[in-house]
Amino acid sequence: MGSPAGQPLDADARALLRQQRERFGFSRRQLAELVGCHINTVVCIETGKKHPSRAMLNSVCSHLALTWRAPPIEIRHLPIPDESHYYVV
């Protein structure tokens, strides 16, 4: 699989994907089922053996409340809405 910018995910980006997956309580198999790929794909992305396509990275990030941009590939947490903007009626 080619990466969005033709570059592999760096170690920090891969670590963030793994940490966020674990934070959400997903096993690698569960994440693979959610994004519609084989567990080996998730393992290879997290270990840097494969570089995710744009579509795969979009899917993984959307399930882990992350966003990314390229080049270079940069993965970030999605902003959390400020609860002070919500009103209870």
Protein backbone atom coordinates (compact mmCIF):
# COMPACT_ATOMS: atom_id res chain seq x y z
CA MET A 1 0.00 0.00 0.00
CA GLY A 2 1.38 3.43 -0.80
CA SER A 3 1.19 6.18 1.78
CA PRO A 4 -0.58 9.47 1.04
CA ALA A 5 2.68 11.31 0.43
CA GLY A 6 4.69 8.29 -0.70
CA GLN A 7 6.36 8.25 2.72
CA PRO A 8 6.07 5.84 5.62
CA LEU A 9 4.46 6.86 8.88
CA ASP A 10 7.15 7.90 11.34
CA ALA A 11 7.56 6.18 14.70
CA ASP A 12 5.65 8.92 16.54
CA ALA A 13 2.64 8.61 14.20
CA ARG A 14 2.63 4.82 14.51
CA ALA A 15 2.89 5.08 18.30
CA LEU A 16 -0.03 7.52 18.42
CA LEU A 17 -2.19 5.14 16.36
CA ARG A 18 -1.34 2.26 18.71
CA GLN A 19 -1.85 4.34 21.87
CA GLN A 20 -5.19 5.67 20.67
CA ARG A 21 -6.32 2.17 19.66
CA GLU A 22 -5.46 0.95 23.14
CA ARG A 23 -7.09 4.01 24.73
CA PHE A 24 -10.35 3.13 22.99
CA GLY A 25 -9.97 -0.46 24.17
CA PHE A 26 -9.75 -1.94 20.68
CA SER A 27 -7.67 -4.99 19.96
CA ARG A 28 -5.88 -5.04 16.63
CA ARG A 29 -8.47 -7.52 15.40
CA GLN A 30 -11.36 -5.26 16.46
CA LEU A 31 -9.85 -2.25 14.70
CA ALA A 32 -9.28 -4.35 11.58
CA GLU A 33 -12.95 -5.39 11.60
CA LEU A 34 -14.06 -1.78 12.01
CA VAL A 35 -12.00 -0.51 9.09
CA GLY A 36 -12.64 -3.58 6.93
CA CYS A 37 -9.14 -4.97 6.60
CA HIS A 38 -7.16 -7.98 7.77
CA ILE A 39 -5.58 -7.90 11.22
CA ASN A 40 -2.15 -8.25 9.55
CA THR A 41 -2.71 -4.89 7.86
CA VAL A 42 -3.19 -3.18 11.23
CA VAL A 43 -0.13 -4.97 12.64
CA CYS A 44 1.99 -3.94 9.64
CA ILE A 45 0.84 -0.31 9.82
CA GLU A 46 1.61 -0.12 13.54
CA THR A 47 5.03 -1.70 13.07
CA GLY A 48 5.93 0.29 9.94
CA LYS A 49 6.09 -2.72 7.62
CA LYS A 50 3.32 -1.28 5.42
CA HIS A 51 2.38 2.29 4.60
CA PRO A 52 -1.38 2.94 4.63
CA SER A 53 -3.22 4.34 1.65
CA ARG A 54 -5.14 7.60 2.07
CA ALA A 55 -8.39 5.65 2.33
CA MET A 56 -7.01 3.28 4.97
CA LEU A 57 -5.49 6.13 6.99
CA ASN A 58 -8.79 8.05 6.81
CA SER A 59 -10.70 5.02 8.05
CA VAL A 60 -8.28 4.18 10.87
CA CYS A 61 -8.08 7.78 12.04
CA SER A 62 -11.85 8.28 11.94
CA HIS A 63 -12.37 5.25 14.21
CA LEU A 64 -9.70 6.51 16.63
CA ALA A 65 -10.80 10.18 16.81
CA LEU A 66 -7.63 11.28 15.02
CA THR A 67 -6.96 13.40 11.97
CA TRP A 68 -3.99 13.59 9.62
CA ARG A 69 -2.48 15.79 6.96
CA ALA A 70 0.37 15.42 4.50
CA PRO A 71 3.14 16.02 3.50
CA PRO A 72 4.81 15.08 5.73
CA ILE A 73 2.25 12.83 7.31
CA GLU A 74 1.20 14.29 10.64
CA ILE A 75 -1.41 12.64 12.85
CA ARG A 76 -3.19 14.59 15.59
CA HIS A 77 -6.03 14.18 18.05
CA LEU A 78 -9.30 15.68 16.89
CA PRO A 79 -10.30 18.75 18.89
CA ILE A 80 -12.74 18.05 21.68
CA PRO A 81 -15.69 20.47 21.74
CA ASP A 82 -15.78 22.84 24.67
CA GLU A 83 -18.71 21.67 26.78
CA SER A 84 -19.40 25.23 27.94
CA HIS A 85 -21.02 25.79 24.54
CA TYR A 86 -23.76 23.26 25.27
CA TYR A 87 -26.94 24.27 27.06
CA VAL A 88 -29.30 22.04 28.98
CA VAL A 89 -32.97 22.90 28.56
